């Protein structure tokens, strides 16, 4: 739902401010349209239905993985389709992975979204609707939405105004009331966006997809490296840490024979050993690209080499791969 438009319309019609809150509470409770917002007068519901879509995105498809991961295909009024994913954790916690664009122009070689090419930016309302849908699903499961990560389709830093507006709505008490530190914005290395994020007052987390410790390998995997090579990217991350006092999470996808050797680990440790970074090692999820994920033995050697070099790291396990809901697999649902 376009919250700014809702407030504006209600003000123009002379309606009290609490009407917007009633509408948002109904959406959060799972109402499918204006007709189901029983707290609003019928004539107001009918007028709103004629001028403002209740959902900016509506579910076009829903699939559930063997591990409980839920993936939606969501359609906008103009026909654009994106995907969002709800991931289950222990103790009833849930994370939603939201999309910020319908497609991606940056073309990372290992990513299904990158293979789609450029699409349009999503609006803040279209982003927030993904989080609201996920929160409602979590409630239905007897769980709670605890984290929002901008790691779905698109490059968030290329749509940063909408991403930050959506983050503020998700954080707001009248939104999902989620701590800003439970919101993570991921980038493949769009340096101007990192600088802007450092200036923003909302203390969200920053995650950077690095995936290689040398420019030649990274440029092969991620064309953006030609524009913002590793030294420039990490310099921007260091400035971010200095300005905000927050750490940066480095995402590192292990690809067999490409970036997973002990020498790669040692190079990575030399780049990141100043203590301002935490490395998340990610399992590769198959797409139509030419890559394979590293074997368990190679992953263990890589992690041991990082530890020996004094670099803290953790492993992010793949979830939802059987329904193409895992990291790197999101594309247009068919």
C-alpha atoms as a PDB file:
ATOM      1  CA  UNK A   1       0.000   0.000   0.000  1.00  0.00           C
ATOM      2  CA  UNK A   2       1.257   3.470  -0.859  1.00  0.00           C
ATOM      3  CA  UNK A   3       1.285   4.964   2.633  1.00  0.00           C
ATOM      4  CA  UNK A   4       2.124   8.509   1.546  1.00  0.00           C
ATOM      5  CA  UNK A   5      -0.744   8.487  -0.956  1.00  0.00           C
ATOM      6  CA  UNK A   6      -3.104   7.072   1.667  1.00  0.00           C
ATOM      7  CA  UNK A   7      -2.322   9.861   4.151  1.00  0.00           C
ATOM      8  CA  UNK A   8      -2.654  12.494   1.422  1.00  0.00           C
ATOM      9  CA  UNK A   9      -5.997  11.175   0.150  1.00  0.00           C
ATOM     10  CA  UNK A  10      -7.500  10.903   3.626  1.00  0.00           C
ATOM     11  CA  UNK A  11      -6.354  14.432   4.468  1.00  0.00           C
ATOM     12  CA  UNK A  12      -7.895  15.774   1.245  1.00  0.00           C
ATOM     13  CA  UNK A  13     -11.168  14.064   2.133  1.00  0.00           C
ATOM     14  CA  UNK A  14     -11.161  15.512   5.639  1.00  0.00           C
ATOM     15  CA  UNK A  15     -10.807  12.110   7.299  1.00  0.00           C
ATOM     16  CA  UNK A  16      -9.200  11.789  10.750  1.00  0.00           C
ATOM     17  CA  UNK A  17      -5.566  10.672  10.840  1.00  0.00           C
ATOM     18  CA  UNK A  18      -6.391   7.429  12.670  1.00  0.00           C
ATOM     19  CA  UNK A  19      -8.133   6.094   9.549  1.00  0.00           C
ATOM     20  CA  UNK A  20      -4.703   5.514   7.968  1.00  0.00           C
ATOM     21  CA  UNK A  21      -3.605   3.569  11.021  1.00  0.00           C
ATOM     22  CA  UNK A  22      -6.723   1.416  10.820  1.00  0.00           C
ATOM     23  CA  UNK A  23      -6.012   0.617   7.182  1.00  0.00           C
ATOM     24  CA  UNK A  24      -2.386  -0.281   7.868  1.00  0.00           C
ATOM     25  CA  UNK A  25      -3.361  -2.468  10.816  1.00  0.00           C
ATOM     26  CA  UNK A  26      -5.822  -4.325   8.601  1.00  0.00           C
ATOM     27  CA  UNK A  27      -3.180  -4.918   5.950  1.00  0.00           C
ATOM     28  CA  UNK A  28      -0.767  -6.163   8.615  1.00  0.00           C
ATOM     29  CA  UNK A  29      -3.488  -8.545   9.810  1.00  0.00           C
ATOM     30  CA  UNK A  30      -3.770 -10.049   6.322  1.00  0.00           C
ATOM     31  CA  UNK A  31      -6.690  -8.236   4.715  1.00  0.00           C
ATOM     32  CA  UNK A  32      -6.777  -8.854   0.981  1.00  0.00           C
ATOM     33  CA  UNK A  33      -8.458  -5.623  -0.093  1.00  0.00           C
ATOM     34  CA  UNK A  34     -10.358  -2.544   1.018  1.00  0.00           C
ATOM     35  CA  UNK A  35     -13.598  -4.477   1.354  1.00  0.00           C
ATOM     36  CA  UNK A  36     -12.040  -6.452   4.223  1.00  0.00           C
ATOM     37  CA  UNK A  37     -11.046  -3.401   6.275  1.00  0.00           C
ATOM     38  CA  UNK A  38     -14.070  -3.632   8.538  1.00  0.00           C
ATOM     39  CA  UNK A  39     -12.834  -0.844  10.830  1.00  0.00           C
ATOM     40  CA  UNK A  40     -13.448   1.708   8.057  1.00  0.00           C
ATOM     41  CA  UNK A  41     -16.926   2.910   7.064  1.00  0.00           C
ATOM     42  CA  UNK A  42     -18.266   1.159   3.969  1.00  0.00           C
ATOM     43  CA  UNK A  43     -18.523   4.315   1.883  1.00  0.00           C
ATOM     44  CA  UNK A  44     -14.899   5.209   2.685  1.00  0.00           C
ATOM     45  CA  UNK A  45     -13.763   1.716   1.714  1.00  0.00           C
ATOM     46  CA  UNK A  46     -15.563   2.041  -1.614  1.00  0.00           C
ATOM     47  CA  UNK A  47     -14.042   5.447  -2.314  1.00  0.00           C
ATOM     48  CA  UNK A  48     -10.534   4.215  -1.463  1.00  0.00           C
ATOM     49  CA  UNK A  49     -10.989   1.111  -3.583  1.00  0.00           C
ATOM     50  CA  UNK A  50     -11.642   3.333  -6.590  1.00  0.00           C
ATOM     51  CA  UNK A  51      -8.451   5.396  -6.250  1.00  0.00           C
ATOM     52  CA  UNK A  52      -5.769   3.439  -4.341  1.00  0.00           C
ATOM     53  CA  UNK A  53      -4.687  -0.213  -4.657  1.00  0.00           C
ATOM     54  CA  UNK A  54      -4.730  -1.918  -1.268  1.00  0.00           C
ATOM     55  CA  UNK A  55      -1.559  -3.859  -2.110  1.00  0.00           C
ATOM     56  CA  UNK A  56       1.201  -2.370  -4.269  1.00  0.00           C
ATOM     57  CA  UNK A  57       2.270  -5.945  -5.021  1.00  0.00           C
ATOM     58  CA  UNK A  58      -0.029  -8.951  -5.056  1.00  0.00           C
ATOM     59  CA  UNK A  59       0.972 -12.630  -4.835  1.00  0.00           C
ATOM     60  CA  UNK A  60       1.099 -14.298  -8.237  1.00  0.00           C
ATOM     61  CA  UNK A  61       2.618 -17.569  -7.005  1.00  0.00           C
ATOM     62  CA  UNK A  62       3.651 -19.174  -3.707  1.00  0.00           C
ATOM     63  CA  UNK A  63       5.888 -22.207  -3.203  1.00  0.00           C
ATOM     64  CA  UNK A  64       7.235 -23.849  -0.057  1.00  0.00           C
ATOM     65  CA  UNK A  65      10.600 -25.577   0.183  1.00  0.00           C
ATOM     66  CA  UNK A  66      11.242 -28.859   1.960  1.00  0.00           C
ATOM     67  CA  UNK A  67      13.051 -26.857   4.658  1.00  0.00           C
ATOM     68  CA  UNK A  68      10.073 -24.531   5.192  1.00  0.00           C
ATOM     69  CA  UNK A  69      11.353 -21.583   3.155  1.00  0.00           C
ATOM     70  CA  UNK A  70       8.463 -19.729   1.476  1.00  0.00           C
ATOM     71  CA  UNK A  71       8.901 -17.968  -1.867  1.00  0.00           C
ATOM     72  CA  UNK A  72       6.395 -15.628  -3.504  1.00  0.00           C
ATOM     73  CA  UNK A  73       6.177 -14.330  -7.014  1.00  0.00           C
ATOM     74  CA  UNK A  74       4.649 -10.857  -6.670  1.00  0.00           C
ATOM     75  CA  UNK A  75       3.082  -8.814  -9.442  1.00  0.00           C
ATOM     76  CA  UNK A  76       2.834  -5.025  -9.665  1.00  0.00           C
ATOM     77  CA  UNK A  77       0.045  -3.101 -11.339  1.00  0.00           C
ATOM     78  CA  UNK A  78       2.184  -2.593 -14.467  1.00  0.00           C
ATOM     79  CA  UNK A  79       2.897  -6.326 -14.752  1.00  0.00           C
ATOM     80  CA  UNK A  80       6.408  -6.273 -13.278  1.00  0.00           C
ATOM     81  CA  UNK A  81       7.126  -9.446 -11.298  1.00  0.00           C
ATOM     82  CA  UNK A  82       9.585  -9.880  -8.448  1.00  0.00           C
ATOM     83  CA  UNK A  83      10.265 -12.534  -5.836  1.00  0.00           C
ATOM     84  CA  UNK A  84      10.508 -12.403  -2.043  1.00  0.00           C
ATOM     85  CA  UNK A  85      11.572 -15.165   0.334  1.00  0.00           C
ATOM     86  CA  UNK A  86      10.752 -15.946   3.973  1.00  0.00           C
ATOM     87  CA  UNK A  87      13.433 -17.994   5.763  1.00  0.00           C
ATOM     88  CA  UNK A  88      12.798 -19.902   8.988  1.00  0.00           C
ATOM     89  CA  UNK A  89      15.281 -19.976  11.885  1.00  0.00           C
ATOM     90  CA  UNK A  90      15.247 -21.527  15.344  1.00  0.00           C
ATOM     91  CA  UNK A  91      13.066 -20.204  18.162  1.00  0.00           C
ATOM     92  CA  UNK A  92      10.338 -18.941  15.849  1.00  0.00           C
ATOM     93  CA  UNK A  93      12.447 -16.281  14.156  1.00  0.00           C
ATOM     94  CA  UNK A  94      11.961 -15.400  10.496  1.00  0.00           C
ATOM     95  CA  UNK A  95      13.963 -13.392   7.964  1.00  0.00           C
ATOM     96  CA  UNK A  96      12.483 -11.945   4.791  1.00  0.00           C
ATOM     97  CA  UNK A  97      14.709 -11.398   1.771  1.00  0.00           C
ATOM     98  CA  UNK A  98      13.151  -8.552  -0.229  1.00  0.00           C
ATOM     99  CA  UNK A  99      13.738  -7.341  -3.770  1.00  0.00           C
ATOM    100  CA  UNK A 100      14.494  -3.724  -4.647  1.00  0.00           C
ATOM    101  CA  UNK A 101      14.355  -3.949  -8.464  1.00  0.00           C
ATOM    102  CA  UNK A 102      12.579  -6.087 -11.055  1.00  0.00           C
ATOM    103  CA  UNK A 103      15.778  -7.419 -12.610  1.00  0.00           C
ATOM    104  CA  UNK A 104      19.364  -6.196 -12.271  1.00  0.00           C
ATOM    105  CA  UNK A 105      21.672  -4.341 -14.632  1.00  0.00           C
ATOM    106  CA  UNK A 106      24.960  -5.367 -13.000  1.00  0.00           C
ATOM    107  CA  UNK A 107      25.175  -8.886 -14.432  1.00  0.00           C
ATOM    108  CA  UNK A 108      27.067 -10.931 -11.823  1.00  0.00           C
ATOM    109  CA  UNK A 109      27.943 -14.179 -13.623  1.00  0.00           C
ATOM    110  CA  UNK A 110      26.728 -16.519 -10.875  1.00  0.00           C
ATOM    111  CA  UNK A 111      23.342 -14.857 -10.290  1.00  0.00           C
ATOM    112  CA  UNK A 112      20.020 -15.716 -11.935  1.00  0.00           C
ATOM    113  CA  UNK A 113      18.714 -12.181 -11.390  1.00  0.00           C
ATOM    114  CA  UNK A 114      21.782 -10.753 -13.119  1.00  0.00           C
ATOM    115  CA  UNK A 115      21.049 -12.918 -16.147  1.00  0.00           C
ATOM    116  CA  UNK A 116      17.651 -11.191 -16.474  1.00  0.00           C
ATOM    117  CA  UNK A 117      19.206  -7.825 -17.247  1.00  0.00           C
ATOM    118  CA  UNK A 118      17.940  -4.427 -16.206  1.00  0.00           C
ATOM    119  CA  UNK A 119      14.425  -3.928 -14.930  1.00  0.00           C
ATOM    120  CA  UNK A 120      12.700  -1.069 -13.191  1.00  0.00           C
ATOM    121  CA  UNK A 121      13.188   0.187  -9.645  1.00  0.00           C
ATOM    122  CA  UNK A 122      10.563  -0.784  -7.108  1.00  0.00           C
ATOM    123  CA  UNK A 123       8.776   1.895  -5.123  1.00  0.00           C
ATOM    124  CA  UNK A 124       9.085   2.062  -1.352  1.00  0.00           C
ATOM    125  CA  UNK A 125       5.504   0.791  -1.073  1.00  0.00           C
ATOM    126  CA  UNK A 126       6.276  -2.210  -3.273  1.00  0.00           C
ATOM    127  CA  UNK A 127       9.240  -3.034  -1.046  1.00  0.00           C
ATOM    128  CA  UNK A 128       7.308  -2.611   2.199  1.00  0.00           C
ATOM    129  CA  UNK A 129       4.484  -4.839   0.927  1.00  0.00           C
ATOM    130  CA  UNK A 130       6.988  -7.704   0.661  1.00  0.00           C
ATOM    131  CA  UNK A 131       7.898  -7.288   4.321  1.00  0.00           C
ATOM    132  CA  UNK A 132       4.264  -6.959   5.416  1.00  0.00           C
ATOM    133  CA  UNK A 133       3.304 -10.116   3.518  1.00  0.00           C
ATOM    134  CA  UNK A 134       6.201 -11.962   5.166  1.00  0.00           C
ATOM    135  CA  UNK A 135       5.267 -10.701   8.633  1.00  0.00           C
ATOM    136  CA  UNK A 136       1.693 -11.898   8.133  1.00  0.00           C
ATOM    137  CA  UNK A 137       2.955 -15.323   7.001  1.00  0.00           C
ATOM    138  CA  UNK A 138       5.238 -15.526  10.037  1.00  0.00           C
ATOM    139  CA  UNK A 139       2.302 -14.730  12.330  1.00  0.00           C
ATOM    140  CA  UNK A 140       0.261 -17.497  10.711  1.00  0.00           C
ATOM    141  CA  UNK A 141       3.110 -19.911  11.462  1.00  0.00           C
ATOM    142  CA  UNK A 142       3.168 -18.897  15.122  1.00  0.00           C
ATOM    143  CA  UNK A 143       6.510 -17.174  14.538  1.00  0.00           C
ATOM    144  CA  UNK A 144       7.685 -13.579  14.210  1.00  0.00           C
ATOM    145  CA  UNK A 145       9.498 -11.562  11.564  1.00  0.00           C
ATOM    146  CA  UNK A 146      12.801 -10.500  13.127  1.00  0.00           C
ATOM    147  CA  UNK A 147      14.974  -9.487  10.167  1.00  0.00           C
ATOM    148  CA  UNK A 148      14.646  -7.816   6.771  1.00  0.00           C
ATOM    149  CA  UNK A 149      17.498  -8.181   4.279  1.00  0.00           C
ATOM    150  CA  UNK A 150      17.763  -6.380   0.944  1.00  0.00           C
ATOM    151  CA  UNK A 151      19.359  -9.385  -0.739  1.00  0.00           C
ATOM    152  CA  UNK A 152      16.678 -10.284  -3.260  1.00  0.00           C
ATOM    153  CA  UNK A 153      16.382  -9.171  -6.862  1.00  0.00           C
ATOM    154  CA  UNK A 154      18.210  -5.995  -7.858  1.00  0.00           C
ATOM    155  CA  UNK A 155      21.029  -3.777  -6.589  1.00  0.00           C
ATOM    156  CA  UNK A 156      19.644  -1.826  -3.596  1.00  0.00           C
ATOM    157  CA  UNK A 157      22.215   0.947  -3.861  1.00  0.00           C
ATOM    158  CA  UNK A 158      20.929   1.841  -7.330  1.00  0.00           C
ATOM    159  CA  UNK A 159      17.479   2.424  -5.824  1.00  0.00           C
ATOM    160  CA  UNK A 160      18.635   3.809  -2.508  1.00  0.00           C
ATOM    161  CA  UNK A 161      15.990   6.512  -2.012  1.00  0.00           C
ATOM    162  CA  UNK A 162      13.189   3.944  -2.155  1.00  0.00           C
ATOM    163  CA  UNK A 163      15.198   1.416  -0.123  1.00  0.00           C
ATOM    164  CA  UNK A 164      15.815   3.905   2.684  1.00  0.00           C
ATOM    165  CA  UNK A 165      12.202   5.123   2.627  1.00  0.00           C
ATOM    166  CA  UNK A 166      11.049   1.503   2.873  1.00  0.00           C
ATOM    167  CA  UNK A 167      13.507   0.822   5.698  1.00  0.00           C
ATOM    168  CA  UNK A 168      12.134   3.808   7.616  1.00  0.00           C
ATOM    169  CA  UNK A 169       8.567   2.516   7.155  1.00  0.00           C
ATOM    170  CA  UNK A 170       9.570  -0.972   8.307  1.00  0.00           C
ATOM    171  CA  UNK A 171      11.321   0.545  11.325  1.00  0.00           C
ATOM    172  CA  UNK A 172       8.464   2.895  12.272  1.00  0.00           C
ATOM    173  CA  UNK A 173       6.117   2.003  15.174  1.00  0.00           C
ATOM    174  CA  UNK A 174       3.137   2.334  12.816  1.00  0.00           C
ATOM    175  CA  UNK A 175       4.944   0.064  10.335  1.00  0.00           C
ATOM    176  CA  UNK A 176       6.499  -3.223  11.417  1.00  0.00           C
ATOM    177  CA  UNK A 177       8.312  -1.647  14.392  1.00  0.00           C
ATOM    178  CA  UNK A 178      11.474  -3.562  13.507  1.00  0.00           C
ATOM    179  CA  UNK A 179      14.790  -2.349  14.886  1.00  0.00           C
ATOM    180  CA  UNK A 180      16.951  -0.684  12.236  1.00  0.00           C
ATOM    181  CA  UNK A 181      19.785  -2.980  13.290  1.00  0.00           C
ATOM    182  CA  UNK A 182      17.610  -5.858  12.102  1.00  0.00           C
ATOM    183  CA  UNK A 183      17.581  -4.417   8.575  1.00  0.00           C
ATOM    184  CA  UNK A 184      20.511  -5.184   6.256  1.00  0.00           C
ATOM    185  CA  UNK A 185      21.206  -3.564   2.902  1.00  0.00           C
ATOM    186  CA  UNK A 186      23.462  -5.566   0.601  1.00  0.00           C
ATOM    187  CA  UNK A 187      25.454  -4.267  -2.365  1.00  0.00           C
ATOM    188  CA  UNK A 188      27.699  -5.842  -4.978  1.00  0.00           C
ATOM    189  CA  UNK A 189      29.951  -2.813  -4.598  1.00  0.00           C
ATOM    190  CA  UNK A 190      28.119   0.340  -5.691  1.00  0.00           C
ATOM    191  CA  UNK A 191      30.531   2.737  -3.972  1.00  0.00           C
ATOM    192  CA  UNK A 192      28.453   5.971  -4.170  1.00  0.00           C
ATOM    193  CA  UNK A 193      25.635   4.193  -2.342  1.00  0.00           C
ATOM    194  CA  UNK A 194      27.951   3.157   0.491  1.00  0.00           C
ATOM    195  CA  UNK A 195      28.956   6.791   0.963  1.00  0.00           C
ATOM    196  CA  UNK A 196      25.303   7.880   1.042  1.00  0.00           C
ATOM    197  CA  UNK A 197      24.382   5.138   3.491  1.00  0.00           C
ATOM    198  CA  UNK A 198      27.122   6.267   5.866  1.00  0.00           C
ATOM    199  CA  UNK A 199      25.458   9.706   6.023  1.00  0.00           C
ATOM    200  CA  UNK A 200      21.969   8.373   6.682  1.00  0.00           C
ATOM    201  CA  UNK A 201      20.701   8.522  10.291  1.00  0.00           C
ATOM    202  CA  UNK A 202      18.957   5.128  10.238  1.00  0.00           C
ATOM    203  CA  UNK A 203      21.522   2.628  11.642  1.00  0.00           C
ATOM    204  CA  UNK A 204      20.871  -0.234   9.246  1.00  0.00           C
ATOM    205  CA  UNK A 205      23.560  -2.841   8.587  1.00  0.00           C
ATOM    206  CA  UNK A 206      25.715  -2.932   5.465  1.00  0.00           C
ATOM    207  CA  UNK A 207      26.635  -6.154   3.655  1.00  0.00           C
ATOM    208  CA  UNK A 208      29.039  -6.197   0.703  1.00  0.00           C
ATOM    209  CA  UNK A 209      29.284  -9.024  -1.819  1.00  0.00           C
ATOM    210  CA  UNK A 210      33.023  -9.394  -2.411  1.00  0.00           C
ATOM    211  CA  UNK A 211      33.403 -13.007  -3.644  1.00  0.00           C
ATOM    212  CA  UNK A 212      37.092 -12.694  -4.574  1.00  0.00           C
ATOM    213  CA  UNK A 213      40.274 -11.335  -3.051  1.00  0.00           C
ATOM    214  CA  UNK A 214      41.950 -10.218  -6.286  1.00  0.00           C
ATOM    215  CA  UNK A 215      40.723  -7.924  -9.044  1.00  0.00           C
ATOM    216  CA  UNK A 216      41.201 -10.357 -11.913  1.00  0.00           C
ATOM    217  CA  UNK A 217      38.963 -13.013 -10.367  1.00  0.00           C
ATOM    218  CA  UNK A 218      36.403 -10.510  -9.106  1.00  0.00           C
ATOM    219  CA  UNK A 219      36.147  -8.794 -12.485  1.00  0.00           C
ATOM    220  CA  UNK A 220      35.467 -12.157 -14.112  1.00  0.00           C
ATOM    221  CA  UNK A 221      32.686 -12.882 -11.631  1.00  0.00           C
ATOM    222  CA  UNK A 222      31.328  -9.348 -11.183  1.00  0.00           C
ATOM    223  CA  UNK A 223      31.605  -6.785 -14.010  1.00  0.00           C
ATOM    224  CA  UNK A 224      31.126  -3.917 -11.532  1.00  0.00           C
ATOM    225  CA  UNK A 225      34.686  -4.520 -10.355  1.00  0.00           C
ATOM    226  CA  UNK A 226      35.996  -2.789 -13.486  1.00  0.00           C
ATOM    227  CA  UNK A 227      34.278   0.391 -12.288  1.00  0.00           C
ATOM    228  CA  UNK A 228      34.921  -0.004  -8.554  1.00  0.00           C
ATOM    229  CA  UNK A 229      37.895  -2.322  -7.984  1.00  0.00           C
ATOM    230  CA  UNK A 230      38.566  -3.954  -4.643  1.00  0.00           C
ATOM    231  CA  UNK A 231      40.831  -1.221  -3.265  1.00  0.00           C
ATOM    232  CA  UNK A 232      38.227   1.486  -3.980  1.00  0.00           C
ATOM    233  CA  UNK A 233      35.417  -0.645  -2.582  1.00  0.00           C
ATOM    234  CA  UNK A 234      37.194  -1.498   0.666  1.00  0.00           C
ATOM    235  CA  UNK A 235      38.304   2.117   1.086  1.00  0.00           C
ATOM    236  CA  UNK A 236      34.619   3.112   0.922  1.00  0.00           C
ATOM    237  CA  UNK A 237      33.801   0.402   3.476  1.00  0.00           C
ATOM    238  CA  UNK A 238      36.547   1.656   5.800  1.00  0.00           C
ATOM    239  CA  UNK A 239      35.189   5.205   5.578  1.00  0.00           C
ATOM    240  CA  UNK A 240      31.725   3.811   6.336  1.00  0.00           C
ATOM    241  CA  UNK A 241      33.076   2.063   9.450  1.00  0.00           C
ATOM    242  CA  UNK A 242      34.880   5.223  10.578  1.00  0.00           C
ATOM    243  CA  UNK A 243      31.765   7.385  10.146  1.00  0.00           C
ATOM    244  CA  UNK A 244      29.213   5.016  11.658  1.00  0.00           C
ATOM    245  CA  UNK A 245      31.171   2.935  14.145  1.00  0.00           C
ATOM    246  CA  UNK A 246      29.541  -0.161  12.625  1.00  0.00           C
ATOM    247  CA  UNK A 247      31.113  -3.255  11.104  1.00  0.00           C
ATOM    248  CA  UNK A 248      30.645  -4.332   7.503  1.00  0.00           C
ATOM    249  CA  UNK A 249      29.540  -7.861   6.665  1.00  0.00           C
ATOM    250  CA  UNK A 250      31.503  -9.306   3.749  1.00  0.00           C
ATOM    251  CA  UNK A 251      29.681 -11.924   1.669  1.00  0.00           C
ATOM    252  CA  UNK A 252      31.969 -14.482   0.028  1.00  0.00           C
ATOM    253  CA  UNK A 253      30.520 -17.108  -2.304  1.00  0.00           C
ATOM    254  CA  UNK A 254      32.719 -20.210  -2.557  1.00  0.00           C
ATOM    255  CA  UNK A 255      33.107 -21.482  -6.128  1.00  0.00           C
ATOM    256  CA  UNK A 256      35.014 -24.660  -6.838  1.00  0.00           C
ATOM    257  CA  UNK A 257      38.459 -23.953  -8.263  1.00  0.00           C
ATOM    258  CA  UNK A 258      37.689 -20.257  -8.731  1.00  0.00           C
ATOM    259  CA  UNK A 259      38.060 -18.482  -5.384  1.00  0.00           C
ATOM    260  CA  UNK A 260      38.258 -21.225  -2.734  1.00  0.00           C
ATOM    261  CA  UNK A 261      41.947 -22.057  -2.334  1.00  0.00           C
ATOM    262  CA  UNK A 262      44.030 -21.570   0.787  1.00  0.00           C
ATOM    263  CA  UNK A 263      45.887 -18.832  -1.095  1.00  0.00           C
ATOM    264  CA  UNK A 264      42.558 -17.070  -1.771  1.00  0.00           C
ATOM    265  CA  UNK A 265      41.749 -17.255   1.946  1.00  0.00           C
ATOM    266  CA  UNK A 266      45.105 -15.758   2.898  1.00  0.00           C
ATOM    267  CA  UNK A 267      44.639 -12.911   0.397  1.00  0.00           C
ATOM    268  CA  UNK A 268      41.177 -12.261   1.803  1.00  0.00           C
ATOM    269  CA  UNK A 269      42.521 -12.201   5.355  1.00  0.00           C
ATOM    270  CA  UNK A 270      45.189  -9.665   4.386  1.00  0.00           C
ATOM    271  CA  UNK A 271      42.487  -7.405   2.945  1.00  0.00           C
ATOM    272  CA  UNK A 272      40.138  -7.607   5.921  1.00  0.00           C
ATOM    273  CA  UNK A 273      42.163  -8.306   9.034  1.00  0.00           C
ATOM    274  CA  UNK A 274      41.769  -4.876  10.683  1.00  0.00           C
ATOM    275  CA  UNK A 275      38.749  -6.084  12.695  1.00  0.00           C
ATOM    276  CA  UNK A 276      36.071  -3.948  11.041  1.00  0.00           C
ATOM    277  CA  UNK A 277      34.752  -6.777   8.879  1.00  0.00           C
ATOM    278  CA  UNK A 278      32.940 -10.042   9.442  1.00  0.00           C
ATOM    279  CA  UNK A 279      33.001 -12.637   6.653  1.00  0.00           C
ATOM    280  CA  UNK A 280      29.936 -14.683   5.763  1.00  0.00           C
ATOM    281  CA  UNK A 281      30.981 -17.642   3.625  1.00  0.00           C
ATOM    282  CA  UNK A 282      28.098 -18.605   1.334  1.00  0.00           C
ATOM    283  CA  UNK A 283      27.313 -21.897  -0.332  1.00  0.00           C
ATOM    284  CA  UNK A 284      26.792 -21.647  -4.085  1.00  0.00           C
ATOM    285  CA  UNK A 285      23.272 -22.398  -5.328  1.00  0.00           C
ATOM    286  CA  UNK A 286      23.086 -23.718  -8.856  1.00  0.00           C
ATOM    287  CA  UNK A 287      21.970 -21.416 -11.668  1.00  0.00           C
ATOM    288  CA  UNK A 288      22.489 -21.687 -15.422  1.00  0.00           C
ATOM    289  CA  UNK A 289      26.053 -20.370 -15.117  1.00  0.00           C
ATOM    290  CA  UNK A 290      29.241 -22.445 -15.517  1.00  0.00           C
ATOM    291  CA  UNK A 291      30.115 -22.673 -11.811  1.00  0.00           C
ATOM    292  CA  UNK A 292      30.025 -25.372  -9.152  1.00  0.00           C
ATOM    293  CA  UNK A 293      29.959 -24.988  -5.410  1.00  0.00           C
ATOM    294  CA  UNK A 294      33.049 -25.872  -3.422  1.00  0.00           C
ATOM    295  CA  UNK A 295      33.204 -29.303  -1.815  1.00  0.00           C
ATOM    296  CA  UNK A 296      32.935 -29.615   1.945  1.00  0.00           C
ATOM    297  CA  UNK A 297      36.633 -30.479   2.188  1.00  0.00           C
ATOM    298  CA  UNK A 298      37.697 -27.383   0.217  1.00  0.00           C
ATOM    299  CA  UNK A 299      35.327 -25.228   2.271  1.00  0.00           C
ATOM    300  CA  UNK A 300      36.857 -26.550   5.506  1.00  0.00           C
ATOM    301  CA  UNK A 301      40.379 -25.826   4.265  1.00  0.00           C
ATOM    302  CA  UNK A 302      39.324 -22.304   3.259  1.00  0.00           C
ATOM    303  CA  UNK A 303      37.748 -21.614   6.651  1.00  0.00           C
ATOM    304  CA  UNK A 304      40.735 -23.038   8.511  1.00  0.00           C
ATOM    305  CA  UNK A 305      43.059 -20.823   6.488  1.00  0.00           C
ATOM    306  CA  UNK A 306      40.983 -17.773   7.383  1.00  0.00           C
ATOM    307  CA  UNK A 307      41.049 -18.701  11.063  1.00  0.00           C
ATOM    308  CA  UNK A 308      44.802 -19.305  11.011  1.00  0.00           C
ATOM    309  CA  UNK A 309      45.208 -15.821   9.533  1.00  0.00           C
ATOM    310  CA  UNK A 310      43.103 -14.315  12.323  1.00  0.00           C
ATOM    311  CA  UNK A 311      39.955 -13.511  10.344  1.00  0.00           C
ATOM    312  CA  UNK A 312      36.539 -14.191  11.870  1.00  0.00           C
ATOM    313  CA  UNK A 313      34.109 -15.973   9.548  1.00  0.00           C
ATOM    314  CA  UNK A 314      30.844 -17.898   9.608  1.00  0.00           C
ATOM    315  CA  UNK A 315      29.037 -20.095   7.080  1.00  0.00           C
ATOM    316  CA  UNK A 316      25.618 -19.203   5.717  1.00  0.00           C
ATOM    317  CA  UNK A 317      23.810 -22.422   4.892  1.00  0.00           C
ATOM    318  CA  UNK A 318      21.706 -22.650   1.768  1.00  0.00           C
ATOM    319  CA  UNK A 319      17.939 -22.571   2.286  1.00  0.00           C
ATOM    320  CA  UNK A 320      15.154 -23.076  -0.257  1.00  0.00           C
ATOM    321  CA  UNK A 321      17.328 -24.263  -3.144  1.00  0.00           C
ATOM    322  CA  UNK A 322      14.809 -26.955  -4.152  1.00  0.00           C
ATOM    323  CA  UNK A 323      12.324 -24.211  -5.118  1.00  0.00           C
ATOM    324  CA  UNK A 324      14.938 -21.792  -6.517  1.00  0.00           C
ATOM    325  CA  UNK A 325      14.565 -19.561  -3.460  1.00  0.00           C
ATOM    326  CA  UNK A 326      18.190 -19.589  -2.321  1.00  0.00           C
ATOM    327  CA  UNK A 327      20.806 -16.860  -2.627  1.00  0.00           C
ATOM    328  CA  UNK A 328      21.498 -16.063  -6.290  1.00  0.00           C
ATOM    329  CA  UNK A 329      18.522 -18.012  -7.651  1.00  0.00           C
ATOM    330  CA  UNK A 330      15.767 -15.372  -7.680  1.00  0.00           C
ATOM    331  CA  UNK A 331      14.307 -14.497 -11.059  1.00  0.00           C
ATOM    332  CA  UNK A 332      10.839 -13.997 -12.521  1.00  0.00           C
ATOM    333  CA  UNK A 333       8.504 -16.733 -11.285  1.00  0.00           C
ATOM    334  CA  UNK A 334       6.958 -18.652 -14.160  1.00  0.00           C
END
